[in-house]
N, C-alpha and C. Protein backbone atom coordinates (compact mmCIF):
# COMPACT_ATOMS: atom_id res chain seq x y z
N MET A 1 88.25 142.13 102.59
CA MET A 1 86.90 141.52 102.02
C MET A 1 87.20 141.10 100.64
N PHE A 2 87.92 141.74 99.76
CA PHE A 2 88.14 141.26 98.44
C PHE A 2 88.68 139.86 98.35
N ILE A 3 89.75 139.56 99.20
CA ILE A 3 90.39 138.26 99.19
C ILE A 3 89.41 137.13 99.63
N PHE A 4 88.64 137.40 100.65
CA PHE A 4 87.62 136.36 101.13
C PHE A 4 86.57 136.19 99.96
N GLU A 5 86.19 137.11 99.09
CA GLU A 5 85.31 136.84 98.08
C GLU A 5 85.92 136.05 97.01
N GLU A 6 87.21 136.14 96.79
CA GLU A 6 87.90 135.34 95.86
C GLU A 6 87.75 133.82 96.05
N PHE A 7 87.92 133.42 97.37
CA PHE A 7 87.73 132.02 97.78
C PHE A 7 86.34 131.49 97.85
N THR A 8 85.38 132.31 97.76
CA THR A 8 83.93 131.95 97.94
C THR A 8 83.33 131.91 96.58
N ARG A 9 84.02 132.20 95.57
CA ARG A 9 83.32 132.17 94.19
C ARG A 9 83.03 130.70 93.87
N PRO A 10 81.98 130.52 93.19
CA PRO A 10 81.47 129.10 92.88
C PRO A 10 82.56 128.33 92.15
N GLU A 11 83.19 128.99 91.10
CA GLU A 11 84.19 128.25 90.28
C GLU A 11 85.50 127.85 91.06
N VAL A 12 85.79 128.66 92.15
CA VAL A 12 86.89 128.16 92.91
C VAL A 12 86.57 127.13 93.95
N ILE A 13 85.27 127.12 94.35
CA ILE A 13 84.87 126.07 95.31
C ILE A 13 84.79 124.77 94.43
N ARG A 14 84.28 124.79 93.24
CA ARG A 14 84.23 123.67 92.45
C ARG A 14 85.57 123.06 92.08
N ARG A 15 86.54 123.91 91.78
CA ARG A 15 87.81 123.46 91.49
C ARG A 15 88.43 122.83 92.75
N GLU A 16 88.24 123.37 93.82
CA GLU A 16 88.81 122.76 95.13
C GLU A 16 88.19 121.50 95.39
N LYS A 17 86.93 121.36 95.21
CA LYS A 17 86.20 120.15 95.35
C LYS A 17 86.60 119.03 94.39
N ARG A 18 86.82 119.42 93.18
CA ARG A 18 87.40 118.44 92.16
C ARG A 18 88.80 117.99 92.50
N ILE A 19 89.63 118.93 92.94
CA ILE A 19 91.03 118.46 93.35
C ILE A 19 91.03 117.45 94.50
N LYS A 20 90.11 117.67 95.50
CA LYS A 20 90.01 116.76 96.52
C LYS A 20 89.48 115.42 96.07
N GLN A 21 88.60 115.33 95.10
CA GLN A 21 88.01 114.21 94.57
C GLN A 21 89.09 113.43 93.81
N ILE A 22 90.06 114.07 93.12
CA ILE A 22 91.07 113.47 92.28
C ILE A 22 92.07 112.95 93.34
N ILE A 23 92.42 113.60 94.31
CA ILE A 23 93.45 113.09 95.36
C ILE A 23 92.83 111.88 96.09
N LEU A 24 91.55 111.89 96.49
CA LEU A 24 90.97 110.82 97.10
C LEU A 24 90.88 109.62 96.25
N GLY A 25 90.53 109.78 94.92
CA GLY A 25 90.43 108.73 94.03
C GLY A 25 91.88 108.11 93.75
N ALA A 26 92.93 108.90 93.64
CA ALA A 26 94.14 108.33 93.51
C ALA A 26 94.59 107.52 94.75
N ILE A 27 94.27 107.99 95.95
CA ILE A 27 94.54 107.21 97.15
C ILE A 27 93.89 105.90 97.15
N VAL A 28 92.60 105.89 96.89
CA VAL A 28 91.83 104.78 96.74
C VAL A 28 92.38 103.70 95.74
N ALA A 29 92.75 104.26 94.57
CA ALA A 29 93.32 103.35 93.46
C ALA A 29 94.68 102.82 93.90
N LEU A 30 95.46 103.47 94.50
CA LEU A 30 96.78 102.98 95.17
C LEU A 30 96.40 101.74 96.06
N ILE A 31 95.58 102.10 96.96
CA ILE A 31 95.27 101.11 98.05
C ILE A 31 94.76 99.80 97.33
N ALA A 32 93.81 99.97 96.51
CA ALA A 32 93.09 98.82 95.82
C ALA A 32 94.13 98.10 94.84
N GLY A 33 94.96 98.90 94.17
CA GLY A 33 96.16 98.22 93.40
C GLY A 33 97.08 97.43 94.31
N GLY A 34 97.36 97.91 95.38
CA GLY A 34 98.32 97.22 96.31
C GLY A 34 97.63 95.93 96.85
N PHE A 35 96.34 96.01 97.21
CA PHE A 35 95.67 94.86 97.71
C PHE A 35 95.55 93.86 96.51
N LEU A 36 95.26 94.25 95.40
CA LEU A 36 95.03 93.27 94.25
C LEU A 36 96.41 92.68 93.81
N TYR A 37 97.45 93.52 93.88
CA TYR A 37 98.79 92.92 93.71
C TYR A 37 99.13 91.74 94.75
N TYR A 38 98.91 92.08 95.93
CA TYR A 38 99.24 91.18 97.00
C TYR A 38 98.33 89.84 96.96
N GLU A 39 97.20 90.01 96.56
CA GLU A 39 96.20 88.78 96.46
C GLU A 39 96.58 87.95 95.12
N PHE A 40 97.06 88.60 94.15
CA PHE A 40 97.10 87.81 92.82
C PHE A 40 98.51 87.68 92.35
N LYS A 41 99.54 88.18 92.99
CA LYS A 41 100.93 88.04 92.55
C LYS A 41 101.29 86.63 92.35
N ASN A 42 100.93 85.74 93.08
CA ASN A 42 101.24 84.20 92.90
C ASN A 42 100.20 83.39 92.23
N TYR A 43 99.25 84.11 91.56
CA TYR A 43 98.20 83.38 90.84
C TYR A 43 98.56 82.37 89.86
N PRO A 44 99.60 82.71 89.00
CA PRO A 44 99.98 81.63 87.97
C PRO A 44 100.49 80.44 88.74
N GLU A 45 101.34 80.54 89.73
CA GLU A 45 101.75 79.35 90.51
C GLU A 45 100.76 78.60 91.18
N GLU A 46 99.68 79.30 91.82
CA GLU A 46 98.62 78.63 92.45
C GLU A 46 97.75 77.83 91.35
N ARG A 47 97.62 78.40 90.26
CA ARG A 47 96.88 77.83 89.20
C ARG A 47 97.41 76.49 88.68
N VAL A 48 98.85 76.46 88.63
CA VAL A 48 99.50 75.22 88.32
C VAL A 48 99.26 74.13 89.47
N VAL A 49 99.34 74.48 90.67
CA VAL A 49 99.11 73.58 91.76
C VAL A 49 97.64 73.16 91.68
N LYS A 50 96.72 73.96 91.35
CA LYS A 50 95.44 73.51 91.24
C LYS A 50 95.04 72.48 90.09
N ARG A 51 95.74 72.77 89.00
CA ARG A 51 95.67 71.78 87.93
C ARG A 51 96.31 70.44 88.24
N PHE A 52 97.36 70.46 89.03
CA PHE A 52 98.06 69.14 89.47
C PHE A 52 97.16 68.52 90.41
N LEU A 53 96.69 69.15 91.39
CA LEU A 53 95.66 68.52 92.34
C LEU A 53 94.44 68.05 91.73
N ALA A 54 93.97 68.86 90.73
CA ALA A 54 92.70 68.41 90.00
C ALA A 54 92.95 67.06 89.27
N ALA A 55 94.09 66.92 88.61
CA ALA A 55 94.51 65.71 87.94
C ALA A 55 94.51 64.55 88.94
N LEU A 56 95.07 64.84 90.04
CA LEU A 56 95.28 63.77 91.13
C LEU A 56 93.75 63.38 91.56
N GLU A 57 92.92 64.34 91.66
CA GLU A 57 91.51 64.07 92.19
C GLU A 57 90.82 63.21 91.06
N ARG A 58 91.13 63.44 89.79
CA ARG A 58 90.39 62.66 88.82
C ARG A 58 91.04 61.29 88.66
N GLY A 59 92.15 61.09 89.30
CA GLY A 59 92.93 59.81 89.22
C GLY A 59 93.76 59.81 88.02
N ASN A 60 94.06 60.85 87.35
CA ASN A 60 94.79 60.92 86.11
C ASN A 60 96.41 61.18 86.49
N TYR A 61 96.99 60.10 87.05
CA TYR A 61 98.23 60.15 87.56
C TYR A 61 99.41 60.49 86.48
N PRO A 62 99.28 59.97 85.28
CA PRO A 62 100.16 60.32 84.19
C PRO A 62 100.08 61.91 83.93
N GLU A 63 98.87 62.47 83.90
CA GLU A 63 98.82 63.99 83.68
C GLU A 63 99.46 64.72 84.92
N ALA A 64 99.09 64.21 86.03
CA ALA A 64 99.65 64.86 87.20
C ALA A 64 101.24 64.86 87.25
N TYR A 65 101.75 63.76 86.84
CA TYR A 65 103.21 63.48 86.71
C TYR A 65 103.78 64.48 85.69
N ARG A 66 103.08 64.70 84.46
CA ARG A 66 103.54 65.56 83.49
C ARG A 66 103.51 67.03 83.97
N ILE A 67 102.46 67.41 84.77
CA ILE A 67 102.53 68.73 85.31
C ILE A 67 103.56 68.94 86.28
N TRP A 68 103.82 67.93 87.08
CA TRP A 68 104.91 68.07 88.06
C TRP A 68 106.33 68.37 87.40
N GLN A 69 106.46 68.03 86.14
CA GLN A 69 107.73 68.13 85.43
C GLN A 69 108.92 67.54 86.15
N PRO A 70 108.92 66.33 86.36
CA PRO A 70 109.97 65.79 87.30
C PRO A 70 111.37 65.75 86.60
N THR A 71 112.42 65.69 87.51
CA THR A 71 113.71 65.50 86.94
C THR A 71 113.78 63.86 86.64
N SER A 72 114.90 63.63 86.01
CA SER A 72 115.13 62.25 85.58
C SER A 72 115.29 61.35 86.72
N SER A 73 115.69 61.75 87.88
CA SER A 73 115.96 60.94 89.03
C SER A 73 114.69 60.76 89.76
N TYR A 74 113.60 61.43 89.58
CA TYR A 74 112.17 61.21 90.19
C TYR A 74 111.31 60.36 89.23
N THR A 75 111.24 59.16 89.45
CA THR A 75 110.55 58.25 88.45
C THR A 75 109.05 58.30 88.73
N TYR A 76 108.30 57.63 87.82
CA TYR A 76 106.92 57.58 87.96
C TYR A 76 106.49 56.77 89.15
N SER A 77 107.34 55.79 89.45
CA SER A 77 107.04 54.93 90.72
C SER A 77 107.24 55.76 91.93
N ASP A 78 108.27 56.59 92.01
CA ASP A 78 108.53 57.53 93.16
C ASP A 78 107.34 58.46 93.19
N PHE A 79 106.90 58.99 92.14
CA PHE A 79 105.86 59.87 92.20
C PHE A 79 104.48 59.19 92.77
N LEU A 80 104.18 58.01 92.33
CA LEU A 80 103.09 57.28 92.89
C LEU A 80 103.15 57.00 94.42
N GLN A 81 104.39 56.74 94.78
CA GLN A 81 104.56 56.55 96.29
C GLN A 81 104.25 57.88 96.97
N ASP A 82 104.66 58.92 96.49
CA ASP A 82 104.34 60.33 97.11
C ASP A 82 102.92 60.78 96.89
N TRP A 83 102.27 60.52 95.78
CA TRP A 83 101.00 61.07 95.41
C TRP A 83 99.87 60.13 95.00
N GLY A 84 100.23 58.85 94.80
CA GLY A 84 99.28 57.90 94.39
C GLY A 84 98.21 57.52 95.45
N PRO A 85 97.33 56.53 95.10
CA PRO A 85 96.22 56.24 95.99
C PRO A 85 96.71 55.57 97.30
N SER A 86 97.86 55.11 97.30
CA SER A 86 98.42 54.41 98.53
C SER A 86 99.42 55.30 99.22
N SER A 87 99.50 56.54 98.85
CA SER A 87 100.41 57.51 99.52
C SER A 87 99.77 58.03 100.77
N GLU A 88 100.36 58.82 101.57
CA GLU A 88 100.04 59.38 102.83
C GLU A 88 98.73 60.16 102.69
N TYR A 89 98.52 60.76 101.46
CA TYR A 89 97.22 61.53 101.25
C TYR A 89 96.13 60.59 100.79
N GLY A 90 96.49 59.46 100.26
CA GLY A 90 95.36 58.55 99.74
C GLY A 90 94.85 59.11 98.43
N LYS A 91 93.63 58.63 98.02
CA LYS A 91 93.05 59.16 96.83
C LYS A 91 92.53 60.62 97.10
N VAL A 92 93.00 61.48 96.32
CA VAL A 92 92.58 62.89 96.51
C VAL A 92 91.10 63.11 96.19
N SER A 93 90.37 63.43 97.21
CA SER A 93 88.92 63.61 97.07
C SER A 93 88.44 65.06 97.29
N SER A 94 89.40 65.90 97.85
CA SER A 94 89.09 67.28 98.01
C SER A 94 90.46 68.00 98.13
N PHE A 95 90.54 69.28 97.65
CA PHE A 95 91.70 69.97 97.79
C PHE A 95 91.37 71.50 97.83
N GLY A 96 92.28 72.29 98.18
CA GLY A 96 92.10 73.72 98.15
C GLY A 96 93.43 74.47 98.46
N ILE A 97 93.61 75.64 97.92
CA ILE A 97 94.86 76.38 98.17
C ILE A 97 94.64 77.14 99.53
N VAL A 98 95.52 76.96 100.44
CA VAL A 98 95.44 77.71 101.71
C VAL A 98 96.13 79.10 101.65
N THR A 99 97.35 79.06 101.11
CA THR A 99 98.19 80.28 101.05
C THR A 99 99.24 80.08 100.12
N SER A 100 99.97 81.16 99.69
CA SER A 100 101.20 81.06 98.91
C SER A 100 102.23 82.09 99.42
N HIS A 101 103.42 81.82 99.20
CA HIS A 101 104.51 82.72 99.71
C HIS A 101 105.69 82.68 98.65
N ALA A 102 105.97 83.82 98.02
CA ALA A 102 107.12 83.97 97.21
C ALA A 102 108.34 84.01 97.89
N THR A 103 109.37 83.20 97.40
CA THR A 103 110.63 83.27 98.12
C THR A 103 111.70 82.82 97.08
N GLY A 104 112.78 83.64 96.91
CA GLY A 104 113.74 83.25 95.92
C GLY A 104 113.27 83.22 94.49
N SER A 105 113.54 82.09 93.87
CA SER A 105 113.12 81.97 92.52
C SER A 105 111.81 81.09 92.33
N GLY A 106 111.04 81.08 93.38
CA GLY A 106 109.77 80.34 93.36
C GLY A 106 108.79 80.76 94.36
N VAL A 107 107.74 79.96 94.44
CA VAL A 107 106.63 80.16 95.27
C VAL A 107 106.37 78.85 96.09
N ILE A 108 106.17 78.91 97.43
CA ILE A 108 105.73 77.87 98.23
C ILE A 108 104.17 77.99 98.33
N VAL A 109 103.47 76.98 97.78
CA VAL A 109 101.98 77.04 97.80
C VAL A 109 101.66 76.01 98.84
N THR A 110 100.84 76.41 99.90
CA THR A 110 100.37 75.51 100.91
C THR A 110 98.90 75.10 100.56
N ALA A 111 98.75 73.88 100.34
CA ALA A 111 97.38 73.36 99.86
C ALA A 111 96.82 72.30 100.92
N SER A 112 95.56 72.28 101.00
CA SER A 112 94.94 71.39 101.77
C SER A 112 94.41 70.24 100.86
N VAL A 113 94.98 69.07 101.21
CA VAL A 113 94.62 67.87 100.47
C VAL A 113 93.94 66.79 101.42
N ASN A 114 92.71 66.53 101.07
CA ASN A 114 91.93 65.54 101.93
C ASN A 114 92.04 66.00 103.41
N THR A 115 91.84 67.28 103.68
CA THR A 115 91.96 67.92 105.04
C THR A 115 93.32 67.90 105.61
N ARG A 116 94.35 67.51 104.96
CA ARG A 116 95.80 67.55 105.41
C ARG A 116 96.48 68.69 104.64
N GLN A 117 97.29 69.44 105.33
CA GLN A 117 98.01 70.39 104.58
C GLN A 117 99.43 69.95 104.06
N THR A 118 99.79 70.39 102.83
CA THR A 118 101.01 70.12 102.31
C THR A 118 101.57 71.32 101.62
N ARG A 119 102.87 71.30 101.44
CA ARG A 119 103.47 72.48 100.86
C ARG A 119 104.24 71.98 99.57
N ILE A 120 103.87 72.76 98.41
CA ILE A 120 104.53 72.46 97.11
C ILE A 120 105.28 73.59 96.60
N TRP A 121 106.45 73.38 96.05
CA TRP A 121 107.26 74.36 95.58
C TRP A 121 107.03 74.49 94.08
N VAL A 122 106.84 75.74 93.53
CA VAL A 122 106.59 76.09 92.23
C VAL A 122 107.73 77.00 91.71
N GLU A 123 108.56 76.50 90.79
CA GLU A 123 109.61 77.36 90.28
C GLU A 123 108.94 78.41 89.47
N ASN A 124 109.33 79.68 89.53
CA ASN A 124 108.66 80.71 88.78
C ASN A 124 108.90 80.66 87.25
N ALA A 125 110.02 80.47 86.78
CA ALA A 125 110.34 80.48 85.26
C ALA A 125 109.65 79.24 84.63
N SER A 126 109.84 78.13 85.19
CA SER A 126 109.44 76.90 84.43
C SER A 126 108.03 76.26 84.87
N LYS A 127 107.59 76.67 86.04
CA LYS A 127 106.38 76.14 86.69
C LYS A 127 106.54 74.69 87.00
N ARG A 128 107.81 74.31 87.29
CA ARG A 128 108.10 72.91 87.68
C ARG A 128 107.68 72.83 89.14
N LEU A 129 107.06 71.70 89.63
CA LEU A 129 106.67 71.51 91.00
C LEU A 129 107.70 70.59 91.66
N ALA A 130 107.88 70.71 92.91
CA ALA A 130 108.83 69.91 93.71
C ALA A 130 108.28 70.05 95.10
N PHE A 131 108.96 69.31 96.00
CA PHE A 131 108.82 69.43 97.31
C PHE A 131 109.63 70.64 97.80
N PRO A 132 109.28 71.46 98.74
CA PRO A 132 110.01 72.66 99.18
C PRO A 132 111.44 72.32 99.56
N PRO A 133 112.36 73.09 99.23
CA PRO A 133 113.73 72.73 99.57
C PRO A 133 114.03 72.93 101.11
N PHE A 134 113.07 73.57 101.86
CA PHE A 134 113.46 73.76 103.34
C PHE A 134 112.07 73.68 103.99
């Protein structure tokens, strides 16, 4: 009888309830943290692609070319053939980020451009844009 009374005392019940709340809170925080990490781990790379596509939408091709950070072999005329108003996408009138996937030293961002999907490679360190290597 004495042992049973020890576990039914109000302070013991409160302590057990508090321990359960702390454990449940820690589990919820871990799950939420994992979800937030998964959703936002590629946010900087997605943001660069959004800035690039917004510049194209405004028709500011020199700015888009600057954001692309091309190598010396990728000239402005090459860029306009790929992204200019006469490219396969035409004048960008709408865009959105569909998904992103980290791989190796960069992120492949899939974007919807004028209802067509395209993939853009973003290098993690420099935020340089390119067409995906594979």
